[in-house]
Structure formats: C-alpha cells, structure tokens
Amino acid sequence: MARPTANNQTRSDVRSRASIKKPPMFTVLMHNDDYTSMEFVVEALIAVFHKSATEANRIMLHIHFKGSGVCGVYPYEIAETKVSKVHDMARKEGFPLRCSLEQA
C-alpha cells in the first residue's frame, strides 16, 4: 500500500511497480528423429533442463512415441539459450536432434 507523503500524494514508484508485466513465456519442445539415441536425449534433458533421471526418461519416452515433448517453459532469452545448448551438444556428438520454441 502506498504511503502518503507530506502533501497527501502517493509515491509514483509504488504505482509504477504495480504495472510491471511478467515477460511472455515460451515452451521448449524437443523433436523425435530416427538417429539420436535415447540415452543422448536423456543426457541432454538432465544437463540442459536440470531434470531428474526419472523425469528425463519419462519425457524421452513421450518424445519417442508422440513425436515431440515439452522440456520446460521459460522467458524467451532463457528458452533460446537452452535450445542453442541442446543443438550444440547434439552437433558435437553427431546427432541431428532438434528443439524449437513455441509461445506459451
């Protein structure tokens, strides 16, 4: 709640804080392919998205059977960085693994 100043006006910084919006969120999707190993997908989910081994296996199986799966939901810059890290890891290992962004 805003505190009145000496002349009974509210402080403008208090009002401006209330109008700050959260950034738009983006879903990171990982896509199935016929070449990337299941083990590598699990490794990427653990290393980049900080998933537990159990959660990474569950997501990997969803990707394998459904064609794609959600790795997480983040602000744009963070989501973009995670996609880039996965692509870099995959290229170093010779896999064509793809991730994409979708506005949540």
C-alpha atoms as a PDB file:
ATOM      1  CA  MET A   1       0.000   0.000   0.000  1.00  0.00           C
ATOM      2  CA  ALA A   2       1.299   3.437  -0.884  1.00  0.00           C
ATOM      3  CA  ARG A   3       2.284   5.732   1.926  1.00  0.00           C
ATOM      4  CA  PRO A   4       1.053   9.323   1.763  1.00  0.00           C
ATOM      5  CA  THR A   5       3.779  11.919   1.540  1.00  0.00           C
ATOM      6  CA  ALA A   6       3.724  15.267   3.295  1.00  0.00           C
ATOM      7  CA  ASN A   7       1.210  16.681   0.801  1.00  0.00           C
ATOM      8  CA  ASN A   8      -1.041  13.534   0.736  1.00  0.00           C
ATOM      9  CA  GLN A   9       0.124  12.285  -2.664  1.00  0.00           C
ATOM     10  CA  THR A  10       1.167   8.684  -3.269  1.00  0.00           C
ATOM     11  CA  ARG A  11       4.663   7.881  -4.378  1.00  0.00           C
ATOM     12  CA  SER A  12       4.912   7.319  -8.139  1.00  0.00           C
ATOM     13  CA  ASP A  13       7.451   4.476  -7.818  1.00  0.00           C
ATOM     14  CA  VAL A  14       4.893   2.408  -5.885  1.00  0.00           C
ATOM     15  CA  ARG A  15       2.314   2.844  -8.649  1.00  0.00           C
ATOM     16  CA  SER A  16       4.812   2.022 -11.394  1.00  0.00           C
ATOM     17  CA  ARG A  17       5.836  -1.233  -9.679  1.00  0.00           C
ATOM     18  CA  ALA A  18       2.260  -2.454  -9.821  1.00  0.00           C
ATOM     19  CA  SER A  19       2.167  -2.035 -13.619  1.00  0.00           C
ATOM     20  CA  ILE A  20       5.244  -4.159 -14.380  1.00  0.00           C
ATOM     21  CA  LYS A  21       4.256  -7.134 -16.537  1.00  0.00           C
ATOM     22  CA  LYS A  22       5.802 -10.573 -16.485  1.00  0.00           C
ATOM     23  CA  PRO A  23       7.676 -11.437 -19.693  1.00  0.00           C
ATOM     24  CA  PRO A  24       5.956 -13.706 -22.210  1.00  0.00           C
ATOM     25  CA  MET A  25       6.787 -17.354 -21.669  1.00  0.00           C
ATOM     26  CA  PHE A  26       7.964 -19.848 -24.288  1.00  0.00           C
ATOM     27  CA  THR A  27       7.689 -23.626 -24.295  1.00  0.00           C
ATOM     28  CA  VAL A  28      10.814 -25.540 -25.360  1.00  0.00           C
ATOM     29  CA  LEU A  29       9.902 -28.613 -27.409  1.00  0.00           C
ATOM     30  CA  MET A  30      12.265 -31.453 -28.303  1.00  0.00           C
ATOM     31  CA  HIS A  31      11.503 -33.388 -31.502  1.00  0.00           C
ATOM     32  CA  ASN A  32      11.957 -37.063 -32.283  1.00  0.00           C
ATOM     33  CA  ASP A  33      14.233 -38.231 -35.082  1.00  0.00           C
ATOM     34  CA  ASP A  34      15.453 -41.617 -36.278  1.00  0.00           C
ATOM     35  CA  TYR A  35      19.130 -41.058 -35.421  1.00  0.00           C
ATOM     36  CA  THR A  36      19.542 -39.507 -31.977  1.00  0.00           C
ATOM     37  CA  SER A  37      19.941 -42.124 -29.267  1.00  0.00           C
ATOM     38  CA  MET A  38      17.510 -42.275 -26.379  1.00  0.00           C
ATOM     39  CA  GLU A  39      20.463 -42.126 -23.992  1.00  0.00           C
ATOM     40  CA  PHE A  40      21.628 -38.844 -25.511  1.00  0.00           C
ATOM     41  CA  VAL A  41      18.146 -37.316 -25.215  1.00  0.00           C
ATOM     42  CA  VAL A  42      18.058 -38.256 -21.519  1.00  0.00           C
ATOM     43  CA  GLU A  43      21.563 -36.817 -21.061  1.00  0.00           C
ATOM     44  CA  ALA A  44      20.514 -33.523 -22.712  1.00  0.00           C
ATOM     45  CA  LEU A  45      17.372 -33.259 -20.574  1.00  0.00           C
ATOM     46  CA  ILE A  46      19.421 -33.766 -17.413  1.00  0.00           C
ATOM     47  CA  ALA A  47      22.300 -31.454 -18.409  1.00  0.00           C
ATOM     48  CA  VAL A  48      20.402 -28.568 -20.015  1.00  0.00           C
ATOM     49  CA  PHE A  49      16.962 -28.664 -18.405  1.00  0.00           C
ATOM     50  CA  HIS A  50      18.056 -29.980 -14.969  1.00  0.00           C
ATOM     51  CA  LYS A  51      15.545 -32.848 -14.999  1.00  0.00           C
ATOM     52  CA  SER A  52      15.919 -35.828 -12.698  1.00  0.00           C
ATOM     53  CA  ALA A  53      16.813 -39.136 -14.370  1.00  0.00           C
ATOM     54  CA  THR A  54      13.251 -40.377 -13.864  1.00  0.00           C
ATOM     55  CA  GLU A  55      11.667 -37.223 -15.325  1.00  0.00           C
ATOM     56  CA  ALA A  56      14.163 -37.203 -18.218  1.00  0.00           C
ATOM     57  CA  ASN A  57      13.275 -40.813 -19.071  1.00  0.00           C
ATOM     58  CA  ARG A  58       9.566 -40.020 -18.954  1.00  0.00           C
ATOM     59  CA  ILE A  59       9.988 -37.015 -21.294  1.00  0.00           C
ATOM     60  CA  MET A  60      12.269 -39.022 -23.627  1.00  0.00           C
ATOM     61  CA  LEU A  61       9.646 -41.781 -23.962  1.00  0.00           C
ATOM     62  CA  HIS A  62       6.957 -39.184 -24.661  1.00  0.00           C
ATOM     63  CA  ILE A  63       9.151 -37.660 -27.385  1.00  0.00           C
ATOM     64  CA  HIS A  64       9.854 -41.111 -28.820  1.00  0.00           C
ATOM     65  CA  PHE A  65       6.221 -42.225 -29.001  1.00  0.00           C
ATOM     66  CA  LYS A  66       4.430 -38.901 -29.650  1.00  0.00           C
ATOM     67  CA  GLY A  67       6.975 -37.127 -31.880  1.00  0.00           C
ATOM     68  CA  SER A  68       7.784 -34.229 -29.551  1.00  0.00           C
ATOM     69  CA  GLY A  69       7.756 -33.356 -25.885  1.00  0.00           C
ATOM     70  CA  VAL A  70       7.878 -30.362 -23.558  1.00  0.00           C
ATOM     71  CA  CYS A  71      11.226 -29.762 -21.877  1.00  0.00           C
ATOM     72  CA  GLY A  72      10.205 -26.640 -19.969  1.00  0.00           C
ATOM     73  CA  VAL A  73       8.629 -23.180 -20.083  1.00  0.00           C
ATOM     74  CA  TYR A  74      10.893 -20.121 -19.807  1.00  0.00           C
ATOM     75  CA  PRO A  75      11.182 -16.442 -20.745  1.00  0.00           C
ATOM     76  CA  TYR A  76      12.344 -16.046 -24.366  1.00  0.00           C
ATOM     77  CA  GLU A  77      16.070 -15.434 -23.762  1.00  0.00           C
ATOM     78  CA  ILE A  78      16.411 -18.406 -21.417  1.00  0.00           C
ATOM     79  CA  ALA A  79      14.431 -20.689 -23.745  1.00  0.00           C
ATOM     80  CA  GLU A  80      16.534 -19.605 -26.713  1.00  0.00           C
ATOM     81  CA  THR A  81      19.763 -20.301 -24.788  1.00  0.00           C
ATOM     82  CA  LYS A  82      18.572 -23.791 -23.791  1.00  0.00           C
ATOM     83  CA  VAL A  83      17.671 -24.628 -27.409  1.00  0.00           C
ATOM     84  CA  SER A  84      21.111 -23.447 -28.502  1.00  0.00           C
ATOM     85  CA  LYS A  85      22.835 -25.578 -25.824  1.00  0.00           C
ATOM     86  CA  VAL A  86      20.931 -28.691 -26.904  1.00  0.00           C
ATOM     87  CA  HIS A  87      21.774 -28.065 -30.578  1.00  0.00           C
ATOM     88  CA  ASP A  88      25.457 -27.529 -29.722  1.00  0.00           C
ATOM     89  CA  MET A  89      25.596 -30.730 -27.622  1.00  0.00           C
ATOM     90  CA  ALA A  90      23.885 -32.722 -30.361  1.00  0.00           C
ATOM     91  CA  ARG A  91      26.141 -31.438 -33.162  1.00  0.00           C
ATOM     92  CA  LYS A  92      29.267 -32.240 -31.129  1.00  0.00           C
ATOM     93  CA  GLU A  93      28.029 -35.841 -30.820  1.00  0.00           C
ATOM     94  CA  GLY A  94      26.929 -36.015 -34.464  1.00  0.00           C
ATOM     95  CA  PHE A  95      23.172 -36.127 -33.805  1.00  0.00           C
ATOM     96  CA  PRO A  96      20.513 -34.144 -35.710  1.00  0.00           C
ATOM     97  CA  LEU A  97      18.388 -33.556 -32.563  1.00  0.00           C
ATOM     98  CA  ARG A  98      16.091 -30.541 -32.882  1.00  0.00           C
ATOM     99  CA  CYS A  99      14.424 -28.316 -30.328  1.00  0.00           C
ATOM    100  CA  SER A 100      12.025 -25.479 -31.020  1.00  0.00           C
ATOM    101  CA  LEU A 101      10.236 -22.648 -29.210  1.00  0.00           C
ATOM    102  CA  GLU A 102       6.525 -22.039 -29.026  1.00  0.00           C
ATOM    103  CA  GLN A 103       4.889 -19.121 -27.217  1.00  0.00           C
ATOM    104  CA  ALA A 104       3.077 -20.466 -24.159  1.00  0.00           C
END
